[in-house]
Structures are given as structure tokens and as C-alpha cells.
Amino acid sequence: MLGISMLVLAYFLLIPGAEQLRDLQAQVKPTVSLYSNPKPLGEKFPLINDEGQIISLAEAVKNKWAILYFGYTSCPDVCPTDLATLNQTLKSMQYADKLQIVFISVDPNRDVGRLSDFTQKFNSKFIGLSAKEEVLNKMTKMLGVYHEVSQTKQRATKNHSNHKAMKTNNNYLINHTASYLLLNPKLELIGLLTNPHYAKKMAKALDLIIETLD
């Protein structure tokens, strides 16, 4: 009986309750919007690495907390800036070793084969992955991530009526969400970090979240 009582007590001491979660939400706002009801990702989405091999998100993050960032390697400004900010964030964190950054390309046709080279320019521990188009579309839809080829590219494609003169136009931009998605070690989406991104503020908020919920 004593053993059961101790287990119940440990549960209430170690598992964050609604009040503790509200306190944490208040402390990390507006840097992190922390969700009350996490959204599980599980093994629903097979990702691919530079060799085109299938790798699960669980294999990539290895039971760590994770930040997912959706972008593309040809992005002229936003993606490099955001990845550099994530690098600075990790440098300021106490629990950086418990957090894995995963860059997921929304441009697999151009990016598979160059993901590692791109991400490791910012941090050698960053992981770059992508997915087949149908998987990518399902994943981004579930997570509320927007991505779309720019209208300039779309118009250029539609105007190629002469097939003999048609050439593949690989010089295009992609409009995409520039938020960081925070996952806990159970692969549940628990928070969103939206612009503006400040490295020191993010480091403080992420350390507090990991310390409280890990």
C-alpha cells in the first residue's frame, strides 16, 4: 500500500499539471507559444536523406527534443538567417545537448543530395532531410506549415506552349512558413516559435521548457 502511495505522489510531483503548464506558458510567451494539447507525429511521415534513403523522424532525433524548420537550400535570405539564429540559440543554451535541429526541405527535387552540406555550414550537428512530395504535403498540412512555389515560376511554367523550346526552370523561389516547430522526445508538437526570432530569448525559453517538461 505504501508503494502505491509513493508512486501516486511521484506522479503528481513529476508530471506537470494544468497549473504548472499555465505558469510555464506564461513564462515563455511571446517567444514560444506552448500548446496545452500536444499533437503527436509518431512514425507517420517517412523522410529521406541525401542518399534518398528513408529515415524516420525518431531515428533522426534519437529521443531528444527537436526543432523542425521547413525551408529550402536555395532560399536567398530567410533560411540562412533563421538557421544562423538557431546556431546562436544552441550556443546560449544550457541544455543544447538535449535538442536536435532538423531542417526539412520543401524543395526535394533540387535539395536532396545537398542537404548536409547546406545545414552543416551553420552547425555540424544540424540534420537536413526532405520527403517525397506527397509525404511532404501531408506532413506540412498536418503541422500547419505553408509552402508554395512563387507565382513567377508558376506563370513561367504555364507560358511554355512550345515544347521544343521548353526548358526546365530551376531558378525559382518558394514562399514558406518561417517558424520553428518544437517537438518533445515523444515526437509531439508542443510549441511554435514565430518571428521575430531572438537567439538569447529562445535559448532561455527552451532551457526552461526542457528543464520543466523533460
C-alpha atoms as a PDB file:
ATOM      1  CA  MET A   1       0.000   0.000   0.000  1.00  0.00           C
ATOM      2  CA  LEU A   2       2.870   2.303   0.865  1.00  0.00           C
ATOM      3  CA  GLY A   3       4.466   1.554  -2.500  1.00  0.00           C
ATOM      4  CA  ILE A   4       1.317   2.575  -4.376  1.00  0.00           C
ATOM      5  CA  SER A   5       1.071   5.790  -2.369  1.00  0.00           C
ATOM      6  CA  MET A   6       4.665   6.656  -3.210  1.00  0.00           C
ATOM      7  CA  LEU A   7       4.010   6.075  -6.916  1.00  0.00           C
ATOM      8  CA  VAL A   8       0.950   8.323  -6.847  1.00  0.00           C
ATOM      9  CA  LEU A   9       2.918  11.027  -5.040  1.00  0.00           C
ATOM     10  CA  ALA A  10       5.784  10.757  -7.551  1.00  0.00           C
ATOM     11  CA  TYR A  11       3.311  11.075 -10.407  1.00  0.00           C
ATOM     12  CA  PHE A  12       1.889  14.353  -9.128  1.00  0.00           C
ATOM     13  CA  LEU A  13       5.330  15.715  -8.307  1.00  0.00           C
ATOM     14  CA  LEU A  14       6.998  14.806 -11.594  1.00  0.00           C
ATOM     15  CA  ILE A  15       4.190  15.100 -14.148  1.00  0.00           C
ATOM     16  CA  PRO A  16       3.357  18.755 -14.865  1.00  0.00           C
ATOM     17  CA  GLY A  17      -0.248  19.581 -14.091  1.00  0.00           C
ATOM     18  CA  ALA A  18      -2.514  22.117 -15.743  1.00  0.00           C
ATOM     19  CA  GLU A  19      -1.483  24.899 -13.352  1.00  0.00           C
ATOM     20  CA  GLN A  20       2.228  24.218 -13.831  1.00  0.00           C
ATOM     21  CA  LEU A  21       1.760  24.182 -17.591  1.00  0.00           C
ATOM     22  CA  ARG A  22      -0.093  27.505 -17.488  1.00  0.00           C
ATOM     23  CA  ASP A  23       2.741  29.009 -15.471  1.00  0.00           C
ATOM     24  CA  LEU A  24       5.269  27.720 -18.000  1.00  0.00           C
ATOM     25  CA  GLN A  25       3.205  29.042 -20.914  1.00  0.00           C
ATOM     26  CA  ALA A  26       3.144  32.473 -19.310  1.00  0.00           C
ATOM     27  CA  GLN A  27       6.897  32.448 -18.702  1.00  0.00           C
ATOM     28  CA  VAL A  28       7.902  31.567 -22.255  1.00  0.00           C
ATOM     29  CA  LYS A  29       5.470  33.869 -24.086  1.00  0.00           C
ATOM     30  CA  PRO A  30       5.722  35.500 -26.576  1.00  0.00           C
ATOM     31  CA  THR A  31       8.936  33.718 -27.602  1.00  0.00           C
ATOM     32  CA  VAL A  32       7.252  30.307 -27.579  1.00  0.00           C
ATOM     33  CA  SER A  33       3.562  29.574 -27.964  1.00  0.00           C
ATOM     34  CA  LEU A  34       3.264  26.412 -25.887  1.00  0.00           C
ATOM     35  CA  TYR A  35       0.296  24.148 -26.629  1.00  0.00           C
ATOM     36  CA  SER A  36      -1.878  22.609 -23.928  1.00  0.00           C
ATOM     37  CA  ASN A  37      -2.702  19.624 -26.152  1.00  0.00           C
ATOM     38  CA  PRO A  38       0.387  18.263 -27.956  1.00  0.00           C
ATOM     39  CA  LYS A  39      -0.087  16.930 -31.475  1.00  0.00           C
ATOM     40  CA  PRO A  40       1.591  13.514 -31.986  1.00  0.00           C
ATOM     41  CA  LEU A  41       3.578  12.942 -35.178  1.00  0.00           C
ATOM     42  CA  GLY A  42       4.760   9.402 -34.465  1.00  0.00           C
ATOM     43  CA  GLU A  43       6.081   7.487 -37.471  1.00  0.00           C
ATOM     44  CA  LYS A  44       3.520   8.798 -39.961  1.00  0.00           C
ATOM     45  CA  PHE A  45       5.950  10.522 -42.290  1.00  0.00           C
ATOM     46  CA  PRO A  46       8.898   8.699 -43.898  1.00  0.00           C
ATOM     47  CA  LEU A  47      11.625  11.246 -44.558  1.00  0.00           C
ATOM     48  CA  ILE A  48      14.608  10.909 -46.910  1.00  0.00           C
ATOM     49  CA  ASN A  49      18.259  11.826 -46.553  1.00  0.00           C
ATOM     50  CA  ASP A  50      20.800  12.961 -49.171  1.00  0.00           C
ATOM     51  CA  GLU A  51      21.181   9.394 -50.460  1.00  0.00           C
ATOM     52  CA  GLY A  52      17.427   9.079 -50.933  1.00  0.00           C
ATOM     53  CA  GLN A  53      17.222   6.569 -48.094  1.00  0.00           C
ATOM     54  CA  ILE A  54      14.141   6.528 -45.897  1.00  0.00           C
ATOM     55  CA  ILE A  55      14.739   7.704 -42.351  1.00  0.00           C
ATOM     56  CA  SER A  56      12.140   8.229 -39.653  1.00  0.00           C
ATOM     57  CA  LEU A  57      11.983  11.326 -37.525  1.00  0.00           C
ATOM     58  CA  ALA A  58      12.590   9.119 -34.470  1.00  0.00           C
ATOM     59  CA  GLU A  59      15.848   7.851 -35.985  1.00  0.00           C
ATOM     60  CA  ALA A  60      16.919  11.413 -36.720  1.00  0.00           C
ATOM     61  CA  VAL A  61      16.260  12.964 -33.308  1.00  0.00           C
ATOM     62  CA  LYS A  62      17.155   9.935 -31.145  1.00  0.00           C
ATOM     63  CA  ASN A  63      14.847  10.633 -28.194  1.00  0.00           C
ATOM     64  CA  LYS A  64      15.845  14.281 -27.986  1.00  0.00           C
ATOM     65  CA  TRP A  65      13.730  17.395 -28.076  1.00  0.00           C
ATOM     66  CA  ALA A  66      13.628  18.734 -31.611  1.00  0.00           C
ATOM     67  CA  ILE A  67      13.059  21.887 -33.574  1.00  0.00           C
ATOM     68  CA  LEU A  68      11.788  21.394 -37.105  1.00  0.00           C
ATOM     69  CA  TYR A  69      12.408  24.140 -39.618  1.00  0.00           C
ATOM     70  CA  PHE A  70      10.914  23.924 -43.108  1.00  0.00           C
ATOM     71  CA  GLY A  71      12.785  25.728 -45.863  1.00  0.00           C
ATOM     72  CA  TYR A  72      14.991  25.128 -48.902  1.00  0.00           C
ATOM     73  CA  THR A  73      18.683  25.409 -49.696  1.00  0.00           C
ATOM     74  CA  SER A  74      18.262  27.981 -52.490  1.00  0.00           C
ATOM     75  CA  CYS A  75      16.451  30.372 -50.168  1.00  0.00           C
ATOM     76  CA  PRO A  76      18.241  33.706 -50.629  1.00  0.00           C
ATOM     77  CA  ASP A  77      17.805  35.213 -47.169  1.00  0.00           C
ATOM     78  CA  VAL A  78      15.247  33.902 -44.683  1.00  0.00           C
ATOM     79  CA  CYS A  79      16.501  30.318 -44.330  1.00  0.00           C
ATOM     80  CA  PRO A  80      20.188  31.212 -43.876  1.00  0.00           C
ATOM     81  CA  THR A  81      19.252  33.880 -41.339  1.00  0.00           C
ATOM     82  CA  ASP A  82      16.982  31.539 -39.376  1.00  0.00           C
ATOM     83  CA  LEU A  83      19.496  28.684 -39.318  1.00  0.00           C
ATOM     84  CA  ALA A  84      22.214  31.065 -38.163  1.00  0.00           C
ATOM     85  CA  THR A  85      19.865  32.219 -35.385  1.00  0.00           C
ATOM     86  CA  LEU A  86      19.265  28.608 -34.336  1.00  0.00           C
ATOM     87  CA  ASN A  87      23.009  28.074 -34.158  1.00  0.00           C
ATOM     88  CA  GLN A  88      23.366  31.102 -31.897  1.00  0.00           C
ATOM     89  CA  THR A  89      20.463  29.829 -29.798  1.00  0.00           C
ATOM     90  CA  LEU A  90      22.167  26.486 -29.179  1.00  0.00           C
ATOM     91  CA  LYS A  91      25.379  28.248 -28.178  1.00  0.00           C
ATOM     92  CA  SER A  92      23.453  30.123 -25.482  1.00  0.00           C
ATOM     93  CA  MET A  93      21.560  27.101 -24.127  1.00  0.00           C
ATOM     94  CA  GLN A  94      22.303  25.107 -21.017  1.00  0.00           C
ATOM     95  CA  TYR A  95      20.512  22.043 -22.406  1.00  0.00           C
ATOM     96  CA  ALA A  96      21.681  22.272 -26.025  1.00  0.00           C
ATOM     97  CA  ASP A  97      22.754  18.620 -25.937  1.00  0.00           C
ATOM     98  CA  LYS A  98      19.096  17.643 -25.426  1.00  0.00           C
ATOM     99  CA  LEU A  99      17.856  19.492 -28.522  1.00  0.00           C
ATOM    100  CA  GLN A 100      18.191  18.408 -32.163  1.00  0.00           C
ATOM    101  CA  ILE A 101      17.685  20.854 -35.029  1.00  0.00           C
ATOM    102  CA  VAL A 102      16.139  19.279 -38.135  1.00  0.00           C
ATOM    103  CA  PHE A 103      15.944  21.224 -41.385  1.00  0.00           C
ATOM    104  CA  ILE A 104      13.268  19.776 -43.674  1.00  0.00           C
ATOM    105  CA  SER A 105      13.427  20.867 -47.285  1.00  0.00           C
ATOM    106  CA  VAL A 106      10.182  21.750 -49.051  1.00  0.00           C
ATOM    107  CA  ASP A 107      12.111  21.557 -52.334  1.00  0.00           C
ATOM    108  CA  PRO A 108      13.200  17.894 -52.590  1.00  0.00           C
ATOM    109  CA  ASN A 109      13.754  17.949 -56.358  1.00  0.00           C
ATOM    110  CA  ARG A 110      16.620  20.424 -56.009  1.00  0.00           C
ATOM    111  CA  ASP A 111      17.764  19.758 -52.463  1.00  0.00           C
ATOM    112  CA  VAL A 112      18.201  16.012 -51.931  1.00  0.00           C
ATOM    113  CA  GLY A 113      21.943  15.455 -52.225  1.00  0.00           C
ATOM    114  CA  ARG A 114      22.941  18.854 -50.862  1.00  0.00           C
ATOM    115  CA  LEU A 115      21.104  18.994 -47.540  1.00  0.00           C
ATOM    116  CA  SER A 116      24.030  18.056 -45.296  1.00  0.00           C
ATOM    117  CA  ASP A 117      26.387  20.492 -46.991  1.00  0.00           C
ATOM    118  CA  PHE A 118      23.859  23.272 -46.530  1.00  0.00           C
ATOM    119  CA  THR A 119      22.895  22.636 -42.905  1.00  0.00           C
ATOM    120  CA  GLN A 120      26.408  21.957 -41.673  1.00  0.00           C
ATOM    121  CA  LYS A 121      27.542  25.380 -42.825  1.00  0.00           C
ATOM    122  CA  PHE A 122      25.584  26.638 -39.830  1.00  0.00           C
ATOM    123  CA  ASN A 123      26.186  23.851 -37.316  1.00  0.00           C
ATOM    124  CA  SER A 124      27.819  20.442 -37.751  1.00  0.00           C
ATOM    125  CA  LYS A 125      25.079  18.817 -35.662  1.00  0.00           C
ATOM    126  CA  PHE A 126      22.154  20.114 -37.710  1.00  0.00           C
ATOM    127  CA  ILE A 127      20.360  17.420 -39.716  1.00  0.00           C
ATOM    128  CA  GLY A 128      18.973  18.032 -43.206  1.00  0.00           C
ATOM    129  CA  LEU A 129      16.131  15.865 -44.539  1.00  0.00           C
ATOM    130  CA  SER A 130      13.276  16.057 -47.005  1.00  0.00           C
ATOM    131  CA  ALA A 131      10.447  13.828 -48.218  1.00  0.00           C
ATOM    132  CA  LYS A 132       8.638  12.781 -51.342  1.00  0.00           C
ATOM    133  CA  GLU A 133       6.141  15.383 -52.483  1.00  0.00           C
ATOM    134  CA  GLU A 134       3.021  13.529 -51.325  1.00  0.00           C
ATOM    135  CA  VAL A 135       4.518  12.848 -47.892  1.00  0.00           C
ATOM    136  CA  LEU A 136       5.773  16.404 -47.607  1.00  0.00           C
ATOM    137  CA  ASN A 137       2.356  17.821 -48.449  1.00  0.00           C
ATOM    138  CA  LYS A 138       0.613  15.638 -45.848  1.00  0.00           C
ATOM    139  CA  MET A 139       3.175  16.495 -43.196  1.00  0.00           C
ATOM    140  CA  THR A 140       3.105  20.240 -43.743  1.00  0.00           C
ATOM    141  CA  LYS A 141      -0.692  20.251 -43.881  1.00  0.00           C
ATOM    142  CA  MET A 142      -0.907  18.445 -40.545  1.00  0.00           C
ATOM    143  CA  LEU A 143       1.602  20.810 -38.946  1.00  0.00           C
ATOM    144  CA  GLY A 144       0.106  23.957 -40.455  1.00  0.00           C
ATOM    145  CA  VAL A 145       3.251  24.762 -42.445  1.00  0.00           C
ATOM    146  CA  TYR A 146       2.709  26.790 -45.611  1.00  0.00           C
ATOM    147  CA  HIS A 147       4.883  26.355 -48.695  1.00  0.00           C
ATOM    148  CA  GLU A 148       4.227  27.233 -52.314  1.00  0.00           C
ATOM    149  CA  VAL A 149       6.317  27.844 -55.421  1.00  0.00           C
ATOM    150  CA  SER A 150       6.291  31.547 -56.246  1.00  0.00           C
ATOM    151  CA  GLN A 151       3.800  32.845 -58.807  1.00  0.00           C
ATOM    152  CA  THR A 152       6.662  33.885 -61.092  1.00  0.00           C
ATOM    153  CA  LYS A 153       7.696  30.260 -61.505  1.00  0.00           C
ATOM    154  CA  GLN A 154       4.104  29.131 -61.984  1.00  0.00           C
ATOM    155  CA  ARG A 155       3.462  31.692 -64.741  1.00  0.00           C
ATOM    156  CA  ALA A 156       6.683  30.760 -66.494  1.00  0.00           C
ATOM    157  CA  THR A 157       5.667  27.101 -66.500  1.00  0.00           C
ATOM    158  CA  LYS A 158       2.203  27.826 -67.925  1.00  0.00           C
ATOM    159  CA  ASN A 159       3.605  30.003 -70.722  1.00  0.00           C
ATOM    160  CA  HIS A 160       5.777  27.237 -72.189  1.00  0.00           C
ATOM    161  CA  SER A 161       3.420  26.296 -75.030  1.00  0.00           C
ATOM    162  CA  ASN A 162       6.245  25.432 -77.445  1.00  0.00           C
ATOM    163  CA  HIS A 163       7.523  22.053 -76.243  1.00  0.00           C
ATOM    164  CA  LYS A 164      10.649  22.202 -78.405  1.00  0.00           C
ATOM    165  CA  ALA A 165      11.692  25.422 -76.718  1.00  0.00           C
ATOM    166  CA  MET A 166      10.670  24.292 -73.228  1.00  0.00           C
ATOM    167  CA  LYS A 167      13.458  24.195 -70.672  1.00  0.00           C
ATOM    168  CA  THR A 168      13.367  23.312 -67.009  1.00  0.00           C
ATOM    169  CA  ASN A 169      13.410  26.471 -64.970  1.00  0.00           C
ATOM    170  CA  ASN A 170      15.286  25.680 -61.754  1.00  0.00           C
ATOM    171  CA  ASN A 171      15.732  29.296 -60.775  1.00  0.00           C
ATOM    172  CA  TYR A 172      12.627  29.811 -58.656  1.00  0.00           C
ATOM    173  CA  LEU A 173      11.678  30.869 -55.150  1.00  0.00           C
ATOM    174  CA  ILE A 174       9.402  29.166 -52.662  1.00  0.00           C
ATOM    175  CA  ASN A 175       7.209  31.049 -50.212  1.00  0.00           C
ATOM    176  CA  HIS A 176       7.144  29.218 -46.879  1.00  0.00           C
ATOM    177  CA  THR A 177       6.426  29.468 -43.183  1.00  0.00           C
ATOM    178  CA  ALA A 178       9.437  30.759 -41.263  1.00  0.00           C
ATOM    179  CA  SER A 179       8.505  29.448 -37.828  1.00  0.00           C
ATOM    180  CA  TYR A 180      10.302  26.900 -35.661  1.00  0.00           C
ATOM    181  CA  LEU A 181       8.235  23.902 -34.558  1.00  0.00           C
ATOM    182  CA  LEU A 182       9.109  22.437 -31.154  1.00  0.00           C
ATOM    183  CA  LEU A 183       8.696  18.695 -30.570  1.00  0.00           C
ATOM    184  CA  ASN A 184       9.167  16.842 -27.302  1.00  0.00           C
ATOM    185  CA  PRO A 185      11.041  13.500 -27.151  1.00  0.00           C
ATOM    186  CA  LYS A 186       7.752  11.668 -27.744  1.00  0.00           C
ATOM    187  CA  LEU A 187       7.572  13.340 -31.182  1.00  0.00           C
ATOM    188  CA  GLU A 188       4.639  15.507 -30.159  1.00  0.00           C
ATOM    189  CA  LEU A 189       4.324  19.048 -31.452  1.00  0.00           C
ATOM    190  CA  ILE A 190       4.136  21.126 -28.281  1.00  0.00           C
ATOM    191  CA  GLY A 191       5.129  24.624 -29.315  1.00  0.00           C
ATOM    192  CA  LEU A 192       5.693  27.203 -32.014  1.00  0.00           C
ATOM    193  CA  LEU A 193       8.376  29.873 -32.204  1.00  0.00           C
ATOM    194  CA  THR A 194       7.301  32.624 -34.584  1.00  0.00           C
ATOM    195  CA  ASN A 195       9.086  35.740 -35.851  1.00  0.00           C
ATOM    196  CA  PRO A 196      10.855  37.754 -34.669  1.00  0.00           C
ATOM    197  CA  HIS A 197      13.481  35.213 -33.592  1.00  0.00           C
ATOM    198  CA  TYR A 198      15.895  36.364 -30.890  1.00  0.00           C
ATOM    199  CA  ALA A 199      18.563  33.807 -30.029  1.00  0.00           C
ATOM    200  CA  LYS A 200      19.045  34.666 -26.358  1.00  0.00           C
ATOM    201  CA  LYS A 201      15.325  34.815 -25.633  1.00  0.00           C
ATOM    202  CA  MET A 202      14.772  31.498 -27.417  1.00  0.00           C
ATOM    203  CA  ALA A 203      17.645  29.893 -25.526  1.00  0.00           C
ATOM    204  CA  LYS A 204      16.190  30.972 -22.183  1.00  0.00           C
ATOM    205  CA  ALA A 205      12.672  29.794 -23.092  1.00  0.00           C
ATOM    206  CA  LEU A 206      13.817  26.452 -24.491  1.00  0.00           C
ATOM    207  CA  ASP A 207      16.008  25.746 -21.471  1.00  0.00           C
ATOM    208  CA  LEU A 208      13.052  26.444 -19.177  1.00  0.00           C
ATOM    209  CA  ILE A 209      10.738  24.187 -21.206  1.00  0.00           C
ATOM    210  CA  ILE A 210      13.230  21.310 -21.280  1.00  0.00           C
ATOM    211  CA  GLU A 211      14.050  21.693 -17.579  1.00  0.00           C
ATOM    212  CA  THR A 212      10.363  21.683 -16.654  1.00  0.00           C
ATOM    213  CA  LEU A 213       8.957  19.053 -19.005  1.00  0.00           C
ATOM    214  CA  ASP A 214      11.842  16.694 -19.712  1.00  0.00           C
END
